[in-house]
Amino acid sequence: MINETIRILIVDDHMVVRAGLVQVISTKPGLQIVGEAANGEEAIFLCQKVRPDIIIMDIRMRGMGGVAAIESLSKYYPETRILALSTFDDPASVERVMTAGGRGFLAKTLSAADLTDAVFRVHAGEIVIKVDNDSAPPEPVAAGTVEAFGLGVQQRRVLALLTKGYTNADIAGYMDISLPTARYHVSAILLKLGVANRAEAAAMAVRDRLIGDSDF
């Protein structure tokens, strides 16, 4: 059986960055660069032309920015998965990308190995969020409460629904939010709780009493 080659479109308004990404990705077996774009408009045009499996996209570019492009691409080419790559890895930037339809977010300061690993994982259907630990908020001192883990009201509700076995689609319908927003909240919860999957998150929520009746 022949392994599938993952077709990748690179989108960044800096030629040097694009060249570096091409060099990193081209050396990895199973990955193929099928195009380069300098802004969101070019990305949309090339996506229609080359139909990549994965788009690696900077979120702040001259012209049409990454978030606007992600919204458009996710709407018209839902089969193409988008991995955002940015020097701005604050929580607000991550949330904008994920609610727009992105399937991953990486800080540009991460390693080449982190990048290629994320490409394979996003292509396999995972949601990947990796930020620079040096720029991330400090770990909370207290433990054992939702406040300690930085879960807001909406994420507490999502966590409560995870304990009932709700899928992302179930959560979106129950809370009247979009499916990408539901996916983002689930991914953020896993990241904040330091667990690998939704089952572990649900078990931790019940064991440590992180949720109450008011969260449903």
N, C-alpha and C. Protein backbone atom coordinates (compact mmCIF):
# COMPACT_ATOMS: atom_id res chain seq x y z
N MET A 1 0.84 -1.20 0.00
CA MET A 1 0.00 0.00 0.00
C MET A 1 0.88 1.25 0.00
N ILE A 2 0.61 2.19 -0.89
CA ILE A 2 1.39 3.40 -1.00
C ILE A 2 0.89 4.43 0.02
N ASN A 3 1.81 4.98 0.80
CA ASN A 3 1.44 5.99 1.79
C ASN A 3 0.98 7.26 1.09
N GLU A 4 -0.02 7.90 1.66
CA GLU A 4 -0.56 9.13 1.09
C GLU A 4 0.40 10.28 1.32
N THR A 5 0.60 11.09 0.28
CA THR A 5 1.41 12.29 0.40
C THR A 5 0.51 13.46 0.78
N ILE A 6 0.90 14.20 1.80
CA ILE A 6 0.12 15.34 2.26
C ILE A 6 0.54 16.58 1.47
N ARG A 7 -0.42 17.17 0.78
CA ARG A 7 -0.16 18.33 -0.08
C ARG A 7 -0.35 19.61 0.74
N ILE A 8 0.65 20.49 0.70
CA ILE A 8 0.67 21.65 1.60
C ILE A 8 0.82 22.95 0.83
N LEU A 9 0.02 23.94 1.24
CA LEU A 9 0.13 25.30 0.73
C LEU A 9 0.67 26.19 1.85
N ILE A 10 1.72 26.96 1.55
CA ILE A 10 2.35 27.86 2.52
C ILE A 10 1.85 29.28 2.28
N VAL A 11 1.41 29.96 3.35
CA VAL A 11 0.90 31.33 3.22
C VAL A 11 1.57 32.22 4.26
N ASP A 12 2.41 33.13 3.80
CA ASP A 12 3.08 34.08 4.69
C ASP A 12 3.55 35.26 3.84
N ASP A 13 3.45 36.47 4.38
CA ASP A 13 3.81 37.63 3.56
C ASP A 13 5.31 37.93 3.56
N HIS A 14 6.10 37.12 4.26
CA HIS A 14 7.55 37.30 4.25
C HIS A 14 8.19 36.17 3.44
N MET A 15 8.88 36.53 2.37
CA MET A 15 9.47 35.54 1.48
C MET A 15 10.48 34.66 2.21
N VAL A 16 11.25 35.26 3.13
CA VAL A 16 12.26 34.50 3.86
C VAL A 16 11.60 33.42 4.72
N VAL A 17 10.47 33.77 5.35
CA VAL A 17 9.75 32.79 6.17
C VAL A 17 9.22 31.66 5.30
N ARG A 18 8.64 32.02 4.16
CA ARG A 18 8.13 30.98 3.26
C ARG A 18 9.25 30.05 2.82
N ALA A 19 10.40 30.62 2.49
CA ALA A 19 11.53 29.81 2.04
C ALA A 19 11.98 28.85 3.14
N GLY A 20 11.99 29.34 4.38
CA GLY A 20 12.37 28.49 5.49
C GLY A 20 11.40 27.35 5.71
N LEU A 21 10.11 27.65 5.61
CA LEU A 21 9.09 26.62 5.77
C LEU A 21 9.18 25.57 4.66
N VAL A 22 9.40 26.04 3.45
CA VAL A 22 9.54 25.12 2.32
C VAL A 22 10.73 24.19 2.55
N GLN A 23 11.83 24.74 3.02
CA GLN A 23 13.02 23.93 3.25
C GLN A 23 12.77 22.86 4.32
N VAL A 24 12.11 23.26 5.40
CA VAL A 24 11.82 22.31 6.49
C VAL A 24 10.89 21.20 6.02
N ILE A 25 9.82 21.59 5.35
CA ILE A 25 8.78 20.62 4.98
C ILE A 25 9.25 19.71 3.85
N SER A 26 10.03 20.25 2.93
CA SER A 26 10.47 19.47 1.76
C SER A 26 11.39 18.32 2.14
N THR A 27 12.02 18.41 3.30
CA THR A 27 12.94 17.34 3.72
C THR A 27 12.22 16.20 4.44
N LYS A 28 10.94 16.37 4.71
CA LYS A 28 10.19 15.37 5.46
C LYS A 28 9.43 14.45 4.51
N PRO A 29 9.72 13.15 4.54
CA PRO A 29 8.98 12.22 3.67
C PRO A 29 7.48 12.26 3.96
N GLY A 30 6.70 12.22 2.90
CA GLY A 30 5.25 12.22 3.05
C GLY A 30 4.62 13.59 2.95
N LEU A 31 5.46 14.64 2.87
CA LEU A 31 4.95 16.00 2.75
C LEU A 31 5.40 16.61 1.43
N GLN A 32 4.50 17.34 0.79
CA GLN A 32 4.80 17.95 -0.51
C GLN A 32 4.26 19.38 -0.56
N ILE A 33 5.10 20.33 -0.92
CA ILE A 33 4.68 21.71 -1.11
C ILE A 33 4.04 21.84 -2.49
N VAL A 34 2.81 22.34 -2.53
CA VAL A 34 2.13 22.48 -3.82
C VAL A 34 1.89 23.94 -4.19
N GLY A 35 2.29 24.87 -3.31
CA GLY A 35 2.11 26.27 -3.64
C GLY A 35 2.52 27.19 -2.50
N GLU A 36 2.75 28.46 -2.85
CA GLU A 36 3.08 29.50 -1.88
C GLU A 36 2.23 30.73 -2.17
N ALA A 37 1.79 31.40 -1.10
CA ALA A 37 1.00 32.62 -1.25
C ALA A 37 1.49 33.64 -0.24
N ALA A 38 1.30 34.94 -0.58
CA ALA A 38 1.80 36.01 0.27
C ALA A 38 0.70 36.68 1.08
N ASN A 39 -0.57 36.32 0.84
CA ASN A 39 -1.66 36.91 1.61
C ASN A 39 -2.92 36.04 1.46
N GLY A 40 -3.98 36.47 2.13
CA GLY A 40 -5.21 35.68 2.12
C GLY A 40 -5.84 35.54 0.76
N GLU A 41 -5.83 36.63 -0.02
CA GLU A 41 -6.44 36.56 -1.35
C GLU A 41 -5.73 35.53 -2.23
N GLU A 42 -4.41 35.55 -2.21
CA GLU A 42 -3.65 34.57 -3.00
C GLU A 42 -3.91 33.15 -2.51
N ALA A 43 -4.05 33.00 -1.19
CA ALA A 43 -4.30 31.67 -0.63
C ALA A 43 -5.62 31.10 -1.13
N ILE A 44 -6.66 31.93 -1.17
CA ILE A 44 -7.97 31.47 -1.64
C ILE A 44 -7.90 31.08 -3.11
N PHE A 45 -7.22 31.90 -3.91
CA PHE A 45 -7.07 31.60 -5.34
C PHE A 45 -6.32 30.29 -5.55
N LEU A 46 -5.20 30.13 -4.83
CA LEU A 46 -4.39 28.92 -5.01
C LEU A 46 -5.08 27.68 -4.45
N CYS A 47 -5.85 27.85 -3.39
CA CYS A 47 -6.56 26.70 -2.83
C CYS A 47 -7.52 26.11 -3.85
N GLN A 48 -8.20 26.98 -4.59
CA GLN A 48 -9.10 26.51 -5.63
C GLN A 48 -8.34 25.80 -6.74
N LYS A 49 -7.12 26.27 -7.00
CA LYS A 49 -6.34 25.74 -8.11
C LYS A 49 -5.62 24.43 -7.77
N VAL A 50 -5.00 24.36 -6.58
CA VAL A 50 -4.15 23.20 -6.27
C VAL A 50 -4.77 22.25 -5.25
N ARG A 51 -5.85 22.67 -4.58
CA ARG A 51 -6.58 21.85 -3.61
C ARG A 51 -5.64 21.14 -2.62
N PRO A 52 -4.99 21.90 -1.75
CA PRO A 52 -4.08 21.29 -0.78
C PRO A 52 -4.84 20.55 0.32
N ASP A 53 -4.16 19.63 0.97
CA ASP A 53 -4.73 18.96 2.14
C ASP A 53 -4.60 19.84 3.38
N ILE A 54 -3.46 20.54 3.46
CA ILE A 54 -3.15 21.38 4.61
C ILE A 54 -2.69 22.75 4.13
N ILE A 55 -3.15 23.79 4.81
CA ILE A 55 -2.62 25.14 4.58
C ILE A 55 -1.93 25.58 5.87
N ILE A 56 -0.67 25.98 5.74
CA ILE A 56 0.05 26.58 6.87
C ILE A 56 0.03 28.08 6.65
N MET A 57 -0.62 28.81 7.57
CA MET A 57 -0.91 30.22 7.31
C MET A 57 -0.53 31.13 8.47
N ASP A 58 0.20 32.19 8.14
CA ASP A 58 0.44 33.26 9.10
C ASP A 58 -0.88 33.98 9.33
N ILE A 59 -1.10 34.50 10.54
CA ILE A 59 -2.40 35.14 10.79
C ILE A 59 -2.37 36.65 10.60
N ARG A 60 -1.18 37.25 10.57
CA ARG A 60 -1.11 38.70 10.37
C ARG A 60 -0.27 38.98 9.13
N MET A 61 -0.96 39.40 8.07
CA MET A 61 -0.30 39.65 6.79
C MET A 61 -0.86 40.92 6.18
N ARG A 62 -0.08 41.51 5.29
CA ARG A 62 -0.59 42.65 4.53
C ARG A 62 -1.69 42.17 3.59
N GLY A 63 -2.66 43.05 3.34
CA GLY A 63 -3.80 42.64 2.53
C GLY A 63 -4.77 41.85 3.39
N MET A 64 -5.35 40.82 2.82
CA MET A 64 -6.29 39.99 3.56
C MET A 64 -5.54 39.16 4.58
N GLY A 65 -5.87 39.33 5.85
CA GLY A 65 -5.17 38.63 6.92
C GLY A 65 -5.56 37.17 7.04
N GLY A 66 -4.85 36.48 7.92
CA GLY A 66 -5.05 35.05 8.06
C GLY A 66 -6.40 34.64 8.60
N VAL A 67 -6.90 35.36 9.61
CA VAL A 67 -8.18 34.96 10.22
C VAL A 67 -9.32 35.09 9.22
N ALA A 68 -9.35 36.19 8.47
CA ALA A 68 -10.39 36.37 7.45
C ALA A 68 -10.28 35.29 6.38
N ALA A 69 -9.06 34.97 6.00
CA ALA A 69 -8.85 33.92 4.99
C ALA A 69 -9.30 32.56 5.51
N ILE A 70 -9.01 32.28 6.78
CA ILE A 70 -9.41 31.01 7.37
C ILE A 70 -10.93 30.87 7.35
N GLU A 71 -11.64 31.95 7.69
CA GLU A 71 -13.10 31.91 7.67
C GLU A 71 -13.62 31.57 6.28
N SER A 72 -13.06 32.21 5.27
CA SER A 72 -13.50 31.98 3.90
C SER A 72 -13.14 30.58 3.42
N LEU A 73 -11.90 30.18 3.66
CA LEU A 73 -11.45 28.87 3.21
C LEU A 73 -12.21 27.74 3.91
N SER A 74 -12.49 27.91 5.19
CA SER A 74 -13.22 26.88 5.94
C SER A 74 -14.64 26.72 5.41
N LYS A 75 -15.19 27.82 4.93
CA LYS A 75 -16.56 27.78 4.39
C LYS A 75 -16.62 27.11 3.03
N TYR A 76 -15.68 27.47 2.15
CA TYR A 76 -15.75 27.00 0.77
C TYR A 76 -14.92 25.74 0.50
N TYR A 77 -13.92 25.49 1.34
CA TYR A 77 -13.07 24.30 1.16
C TYR A 77 -12.91 23.58 2.50
N PRO A 78 -14.00 23.06 3.05
CA PRO A 78 -13.95 22.45 4.39
C PRO A 78 -13.05 21.22 4.47
N GLU A 79 -12.76 20.62 3.32
CA GLU A 79 -11.90 19.43 3.33
C GLU A 79 -10.43 19.80 3.54
N THR A 80 -10.09 21.06 3.33
CA THR A 80 -8.72 21.53 3.55
C THR A 80 -8.57 21.99 4.99
N ARG A 81 -7.57 21.47 5.68
CA ARG A 81 -7.38 21.80 7.09
C ARG A 81 -6.30 22.87 7.23
N ILE A 82 -6.55 23.83 8.09
CA ILE A 82 -5.68 24.99 8.18
C ILE A 82 -4.95 25.02 9.52
N LEU A 83 -3.64 25.17 9.43
CA LEU A 83 -2.76 25.25 10.59
C LEU A 83 -2.18 26.65 10.64
N ALA A 84 -2.54 27.42 11.66
CA ALA A 84 -2.04 28.79 11.79
C ALA A 84 -0.66 28.78 12.42
N LEU A 85 0.17 29.70 11.94
CA LEU A 85 1.54 29.83 12.43
C LEU A 85 1.79 31.31 12.65
N SER A 86 2.14 31.69 13.90
CA SER A 86 2.24 33.12 14.17
C SER A 86 3.19 33.42 15.32
N THR A 87 3.74 34.64 15.29
CA THR A 87 4.53 35.12 16.43
C THR A 87 3.62 35.60 17.55
N PHE A 88 2.35 35.82 17.24
CA PHE A 88 1.38 36.28 18.23
C PHE A 88 0.60 35.08 18.74
N ASP A 89 1.02 34.53 19.90
CA ASP A 89 0.40 33.30 20.39
C ASP A 89 -0.36 33.53 21.69
N ASP A 90 -0.91 34.74 21.86
CA ASP A 90 -1.72 35.03 23.03
C ASP A 90 -3.06 34.30 22.91
N PRO A 91 -3.76 34.07 24.02
CA PRO A 91 -5.02 33.33 23.99
C PRO A 91 -6.06 33.91 23.04
N ALA A 92 -6.12 35.24 22.94
CA ALA A 92 -7.11 35.86 22.05
C ALA A 92 -6.83 35.50 20.59
N SER A 93 -5.56 35.48 20.20
CA SER A 93 -5.21 35.12 18.82
C SER A 93 -5.55 33.67 18.54
N VAL A 94 -5.26 32.80 19.50
CA VAL A 94 -5.59 31.38 19.34
C VAL A 94 -7.10 31.21 19.17
N GLU A 95 -7.87 31.90 19.99
CA GLU A 95 -9.32 31.76 19.93
C GLU A 95 -9.87 32.26 18.60
N ARG A 96 -9.34 33.38 18.09
CA ARG A 96 -9.81 33.90 16.80
C ARG A 96 -9.57 32.89 15.69
N VAL A 97 -8.41 32.27 15.70
CA VAL A 97 -8.08 31.29 14.67
C VAL A 97 -9.00 30.08 14.75
N MET A 98 -9.18 29.55 15.96
CA MET A 98 -9.95 28.32 16.10
C MET A 98 -11.44 28.54 15.84
N THR A 99 -11.96 29.69 16.25
CA THR A 99 -13.38 29.95 15.98
C THR A 99 -13.62 30.26 14.51
N ALA A 100 -12.58 30.72 13.81
CA ALA A 100 -12.71 30.97 12.37
C ALA A 100 -12.73 29.67 11.56
N GLY A 101 -12.30 28.58 12.19
CA GLY A 101 -12.29 27.30 11.49
C GLY A 101 -10.94 26.64 11.39
N GLY A 102 -9.91 27.24 12.01
CA GLY A 102 -8.59 26.63 12.00
C GLY A 102 -8.59 25.31 12.75
N ARG A 103 -7.68 24.43 12.36
CA ARG A 103 -7.57 23.14 13.03
C ARG A 103 -6.31 23.02 13.87
N GLY A 104 -5.50 24.09 13.87
CA GLY A 104 -4.30 24.07 14.68
C GLY A 104 -3.69 25.45 14.78
N PHE A 105 -2.87 25.64 15.82
CA PHE A 105 -2.20 26.93 16.04
C PHE A 105 -0.83 26.64 16.62
N LEU A 106 0.21 27.16 15.96
CA LEU A 106 1.58 26.99 16.43
C LEU A 106 2.28 28.33 16.54
N ALA A 107 3.08 28.49 17.60
CA ALA A 107 3.95 29.66 17.70
C ALA A 107 5.11 29.48 16.73
N LYS A 108 5.53 30.57 16.09
CA LYS A 108 6.64 30.49 15.14
C LYS A 108 7.96 30.15 15.82
N THR A 109 8.01 30.31 17.13
CA THR A 109 9.25 30.02 17.85
C THR A 109 9.45 28.53 18.10
N LEU A 110 8.46 27.70 17.78
CA LEU A 110 8.60 26.27 18.00
C LEU A 110 9.50 25.64 16.94
N SER A 111 9.90 24.41 17.19
CA SER A 111 10.90 23.75 16.34
C SER A 111 10.31 23.22 15.04
N ALA A 112 11.21 22.87 14.12
CA ALA A 112 10.80 22.26 12.86
C ALA A 112 10.09 20.94 13.12
N ALA A 113 10.56 20.20 14.12
CA ALA A 113 9.92 18.92 14.47
C ALA A 113 8.49 19.14 14.96
N ASP A 114 8.28 20.21 15.74
CA ASP A 114 6.92 20.53 16.20
C ASP A 114 6.02 20.83 15.01
N LEU A 115 6.55 21.55 14.03
CA LEU A 115 5.76 21.92 12.86
C LEU A 115 5.35 20.70 12.06
N THR A 116 6.30 19.86 11.71
CA THR A 116 5.96 18.69 10.89
C THR A 116 5.06 17.72 11.65
N ASP A 117 5.30 17.58 12.95
CA ASP A 117 4.43 16.73 13.77
C ASP A 117 3.00 17.26 13.75
N ALA A 118 2.84 18.58 13.86
CA ALA A 118 1.51 19.19 13.84
C ALA A 118 0.82 18.97 12.50
N VAL A 119 1.58 19.05 11.41
CA VAL A 119 1.00 18.83 10.08
C VAL A 119 0.40 17.43 9.99
N PHE A 120 1.16 16.43 10.41
CA PHE A 120 0.65 15.05 10.35
C PHE A 120 -0.57 14.87 11.26
N ARG A 121 -0.53 15.47 12.43
CA ARG A 121 -1.64 15.30 13.38
C ARG A 121 -2.91 16.01 12.91
N VAL A 122 -2.76 17.21 12.37
CA VAL A 122 -3.93 17.93 11.85
C VAL A 122 -4.51 17.19 10.66
N HIS A 123 -3.65 16.67 9.81
CA HIS A 123 -4.12 15.89 8.65
C HIS A 123 -4.89 14.66 9.10
N ALA A 124 -4.49 14.09 10.24
CA ALA A 124 -5.16 12.90 10.77
C ALA A 124 -6.47 13.22 11.48
N GLY A 125 -6.79 14.51 11.58
CA GLY A 125 -8.07 14.89 12.18
C GLY A 125 -7.97 15.48 13.57
N GLU A 126 -6.76 15.59 14.11
CA GLU A 126 -6.60 16.16 15.44
C GLU A 126 -6.63 17.69 15.38
N ILE A 127 -6.88 18.29 16.53
CA ILE A 127 -6.72 19.73 16.69
C ILE A 127 -5.47 19.94 17.54
N VAL A 128 -4.56 20.76 17.05
CA VAL A 128 -3.26 20.94 17.70
C VAL A 128 -3.07 22.41 18.07
N ILE A 129 -2.78 22.66 19.34
CA ILE A 129 -2.47 24.01 19.80
C ILE A 129 -1.17 23.94 20.58
N LYS A 130 -0.14 24.60 20.07
CA LYS A 130 1.15 24.65 20.76
C LYS A 130 1.66 26.08 20.74
N VAL A 131 1.84 26.64 21.92
CA VAL A 131 2.35 28.00 22.02
C VAL A 131 3.69 27.99 22.72
N ASP A 132 4.39 29.11 22.65
CA ASP A 132 5.69 29.25 23.30
C ASP A 132 5.47 29.37 24.80
N ASN A 133 6.02 28.45 25.57
CA ASN A 133 5.83 28.48 27.02
C ASN A 133 6.32 29.77 27.65
N ASP A 134 7.33 30.39 27.03
CA ASP A 134 7.87 31.63 27.60
C ASP A 134 6.88 32.78 27.50
N SER A 135 5.96 32.71 26.51
CA SER A 135 5.00 33.79 26.35
C SER A 135 3.62 33.43 26.86
N ALA A 136 3.46 32.18 27.29
CA ALA A 136 2.16 31.74 27.80
C ALA A 136 1.95 32.26 29.21
N PRO A 137 0.69 32.39 29.66
CA PRO A 137 0.42 32.83 31.02
C PRO A 137 1.04 31.87 32.02
N PRO A 138 1.49 32.35 33.18
CA PRO A 138 2.08 31.46 34.17
C PRO A 138 1.07 30.47 34.71
N GLU A 139 1.57 29.31 35.12
CA GLU A 139 0.70 28.30 35.70
C GLU A 139 0.09 28.83 36.99
N PRO A 140 -1.17 28.54 37.26
CA PRO A 140 -1.79 29.01 38.49
C PRO A 140 -1.16 28.36 39.71
N VAL A 141 -1.11 29.11 40.80
CA VAL A 141 -0.51 28.59 42.02
C VAL A 141 -1.45 27.60 42.69
N ALA A 142 -2.72 27.97 42.75
CA ALA A 142 -3.69 27.09 43.40
C ALA A 142 -4.07 25.97 42.44
N ALA A 143 -4.63 24.90 43.00
CA ALA A 143 -5.06 23.78 42.16
C ALA A 143 -6.38 23.25 42.68
N GLY A 144 -7.08 22.49 41.81
CA GLY A 144 -8.28 21.82 42.25
C GLY A 144 -9.56 22.60 42.03
N THR A 145 -9.49 23.78 41.40
CA THR A 145 -10.69 24.54 41.08
C THR A 145 -10.64 24.96 39.63
N VAL A 146 -11.82 25.24 39.07
CA VAL A 146 -11.84 25.68 37.68
C VAL A 146 -11.13 27.01 37.52
N GLU A 147 -11.18 27.85 38.55
CA GLU A 147 -10.48 29.13 38.48
C GLU A 147 -8.97 28.90 38.38
N ALA A 148 -8.48 27.90 39.11
CA ALA A 148 -7.04 27.61 39.08
C ALA A 148 -6.59 27.21 37.69
N PHE A 149 -7.45 26.54 36.94
CA PHE A 149 -7.08 26.10 35.60
C PHE A 149 -7.41 27.14 34.54
N GLY A 150 -8.00 28.25 34.94
CA GLY A 150 -8.30 29.31 33.99
C GLY A 150 -9.49 29.04 33.10
N LEU A 151 -10.43 28.22 33.56
CA LEU A 151 -11.62 27.93 32.77
C LEU A 151 -12.69 29.00 33.02
N GLY A 152 -13.15 29.62 31.95
CA GLY A 152 -14.21 30.61 32.06
C GLY A 152 -15.57 29.94 32.14
N VAL A 153 -16.61 30.76 32.20
CA VAL A 153 -17.97 30.24 32.36
C VAL A 153 -18.34 29.32 31.21
N GLN A 154 -18.04 29.74 29.97
CA GLN A 154 -18.42 28.93 28.81
C GLN A 154 -17.66 27.62 28.78
N GLN A 155 -16.38 27.65 29.13
CA GLN A 155 -15.60 26.42 29.12
C GLN A 155 -16.00 25.49 30.26
N ARG A 156 -16.48 26.04 31.37
CA ARG A 156 -17.01 25.17 32.43
C ARG A 156 -18.26 24.44 31.94
N ARG A 157 -19.08 25.13 31.17
CA ARG A 157 -20.28 24.49 30.62
C ARG A 157 -19.89 23.37 29.65
N VAL A 158 -18.89 23.65 28.81
CA VAL A 158 -18.42 22.62 27.87
C VAL A 158 -17.88 21.42 28.64
N LEU A 159 -17.08 21.68 29.67
CA LEU A 159 -16.53 20.59 30.48
C LEU A 159 -17.65 19.77 31.11
N ALA A 160 -18.68 20.44 31.60
CA ALA A 160 -19.82 19.73 32.19
C ALA A 160 -20.48 18.82 31.16
N LEU A 161 -20.61 19.30 29.93
CA LEU A 161 -21.23 18.49 28.89
C LEU A 161 -20.34 17.32 28.49
N LEU A 162 -19.02 17.50 28.58
CA LEU A 162 -18.10 16.39 28.30
C LEU A 162 -18.32 15.24 29.29
N THR A 163 -18.65 15.58 30.52
CA THR A 163 -18.89 14.52 31.52
C THR A 163 -20.14 13.72 31.19
N LYS A 164 -21.01 14.28 30.35
CA LYS A 164 -22.22 13.57 29.93
C LYS A 164 -22.04 12.87 28.59
N GLY A 165 -20.80 12.92 28.06
CA GLY A 165 -20.51 12.23 26.81
C GLY A 165 -20.92 12.97 25.56
N TYR A 166 -21.14 14.28 25.65
CA TYR A 166 -21.54 15.05 24.48
C TYR A 166 -20.41 15.11 23.46
N THR A 167 -20.76 15.01 22.19
CA THR A 167 -19.80 15.21 21.10
C THR A 167 -19.66 16.71 20.85
N ASN A 168 -18.71 17.09 19.99
CA ASN A 168 -18.57 18.51 19.64
C ASN A 168 -19.85 19.05 19.02
N ALA A 169 -20.47 18.24 18.16
CA ALA A 169 -21.71 18.67 17.51
C ALA A 169 -22.83 18.82 18.54
N ASP A 170 -22.89 17.91 19.51
CA ASP A 170 -23.89 18.00 20.58
C ASP A 170 -23.69 19.29 21.38
N ILE A 171 -22.43 19.58 21.71
CA ILE A 171 -22.11 20.77 22.49
C ILE A 171 -22.52 22.03 21.73
N ALA A 172 -22.19 22.07 20.44
CA ALA A 172 -22.53 23.23 19.62
C ALA A 172 -24.04 23.45 19.60
N GLY A 173 -24.80 22.37 19.43
CA GLY A 173 -26.26 22.50 19.39
C GLY A 173 -26.84 22.90 20.73
N TYR A 174 -26.35 22.30 21.79
CA TYR A 174 -26.87 22.57 23.13
C TYR A 174 -26.60 24.00 23.57
N MET A 175 -25.39 24.50 23.24
CA MET A 175 -24.98 25.83 23.69
C MET A 175 -25.26 26.91 22.65
N ASP A 176 -25.77 26.52 21.49
CA ASP A 176 -26.06 27.46 20.41
C ASP A 176 -24.81 28.22 19.99
N ILE A 177 -23.73 27.47 19.76
CA ILE A 177 -22.49 28.04 19.26
C ILE A 177 -22.09 27.27 18.01
N SER A 178 -21.13 27.80 17.25
CA SER A 178 -20.70 27.12 16.03
C SER A 178 -19.87 25.89 16.38
N LEU A 179 -19.79 24.95 15.43
CA LEU A 179 -18.98 23.75 15.64
C LEU A 179 -17.50 24.09 15.84
N PRO A 180 -16.92 25.02 15.02
CA PRO A 180 -15.52 25.39 15.28
C PRO A 180 -15.30 25.96 16.67
N THR A 181 -16.28 26.73 17.19
CA THR A 181 -16.14 27.28 18.54
C THR A 181 -16.17 26.16 19.57
N ALA A 182 -17.04 25.18 19.37
CA ALA A 182 -17.09 24.04 20.28
C ALA A 182 -15.77 23.28 20.25
N ARG A 183 -15.22 23.07 19.05
CA ARG A 183 -13.93 22.38 18.94
C ARG A 183 -12.84 23.16 19.67
N TYR A 184 -12.86 24.49 19.49
CA TYR A 184 -11.84 25.31 20.16
C TYR A 184 -11.93 25.15 21.67
N HIS A 185 -13.13 25.24 22.23
CA HIS A 185 -13.28 25.16 23.68
C HIS A 185 -12.82 23.80 24.21
N VAL A 186 -13.15 22.73 23.50
CA VAL A 186 -12.71 21.40 23.94
C VAL A 186 -11.19 21.32 23.92
N SER A 187 -10.57 21.81 22.85
CA SER A 187 -9.11 21.79 22.76
C SER A 187 -8.47 22.63 23.85
N ALA A 188 -9.06 23.80 24.12
CA ALA A 188 -8.53 24.68 25.16
C ALA A 188 -8.64 24.03 26.53
N ILE A 189 -9.74 23.33 26.78
CA ILE A 189 -9.93 22.64 28.06
C ILE A 189 -8.86 21.57 28.25
N LEU A 190 -8.61 20.78 27.21
CA LEU A 190 -7.58 19.73 27.31
C LEU A 190 -6.23 20.35 27.61
N LEU A 191 -5.93 21.47 26.94
CA LEU A 191 -4.65 22.14 27.14
C LEU A 191 -4.53 22.67 28.56
N LYS A 192 -5.58 23.31 29.06
CA LYS A 192 -5.54 23.92 30.39
C LYS A 192 -5.50 22.88 31.50
N LEU A 193 -6.20 21.76 31.30
CA LEU A 193 -6.21 20.72 32.33
C LEU A 193 -4.99 19.81 32.25
N GLY A 194 -4.27 19.89 31.12
CA GLY A 194 -3.09 19.05 30.96
C GLY A 194 -3.41 17.59 30.74
N VAL A 195 -4.51 17.33 30.02
CA VAL A 195 -4.92 15.95 29.75
C VAL A 195 -4.85 15.68 28.25
N ALA A 196 -4.88 14.40 27.89
CA ALA A 196 -4.67 14.02 26.50
C ALA A 196 -5.94 13.94 25.67
N ASN A 197 -7.08 13.72 26.31
CA ASN A 197 -8.31 13.54 25.54
C ASN A 197 -9.52 13.92 26.39
N ARG A 198 -10.68 13.92 25.75
CA ARG A 198 -11.90 14.37 26.41
C ARG A 198 -12.33 13.42 27.53
N ALA A 199 -12.02 12.13 27.38
CA ALA A 199 -12.37 11.18 28.43
C ALA A 199 -11.60 11.49 29.72
N GLU A 200 -10.31 11.82 29.56
CA GLU A 200 -9.51 12.18 30.73
C GLU A 200 -10.01 13.48 31.35
N ALA A 201 -10.42 14.42 30.50
CA ALA A 201 -10.95 15.69 31.01
C ALA A 201 -12.22 15.46 31.82
N ALA A 202 -13.11 14.61 31.30
CA ALA A 202 -14.36 14.31 32.00
C ALA A 202 -14.09 13.62 33.33
N ALA A 203 -13.16 12.66 33.31
CA ALA A 203 -12.83 11.94 34.54
C ALA A 203 -12.25 12.88 35.59
N MET A 204 -11.38 13.78 35.15
CA MET A 204 -10.76 14.74 36.07
C MET A 204 -11.80 15.69 36.64
N ALA A 205 -12.75 16.12 35.79
CA ALA A 205 -13.79 17.04 36.24
C ALA A 205 -14.64 16.43 37.35
N VAL A 206 -14.96 15.15 37.18
CA VAL A 206 -15.78 14.46 38.18
C VAL A 206 -14.96 14.18 39.44
N ARG A 207 -13.75 13.67 39.25
CA ARG A 207 -12.91 13.30 40.39
C ARG A 207 -12.57 14.49 41.27
N ASP A 208 -12.20 15.62 40.63
CA ASP A 208 -11.76 16.79 41.38
C ASP A 208 -12.87 17.81 41.61
N ARG A 209 -14.09 17.43 41.24
CA ARG A 209 -15.26 18.28 41.46
C ARG A 209 -15.06 19.68 40.86
N LEU A 210 -14.66 19.69 39.59
CA LEU A 210 -14.40 20.96 38.91
C LEU A 210 -15.68 21.62 38.41
N ILE A 211 -16.77 20.88 38.40
CA ILE A 211 -18.04 21.42 37.91
C ILE A 211 -19.13 21.17 38.93
N GLY A 212 -20.19 21.95 38.81
CA GLY A 212 -21.35 21.79 39.68
C GLY A 212 -22.63 21.86 38.88
N ASP A 213 -23.76 21.76 39.56
CA ASP A 213 -25.05 21.78 38.87
C ASP A 213 -25.26 23.08 38.09
N SER A 214 -24.68 24.17 38.58
CA SER A 214 -24.87 25.47 37.92
C SER A 214 -24.16 25.55 36.58
N ASP A 215 -23.26 24.60 36.30
CA ASP A 215 -22.51 24.64 35.04
C ASP A 215 -23.26 23.98 33.89
N PHE A 216 -24.37 23.30 34.18
CA PHE A 216 -25.12 22.64 33.11
C PHE A 216 -26.15 23.59 32.51
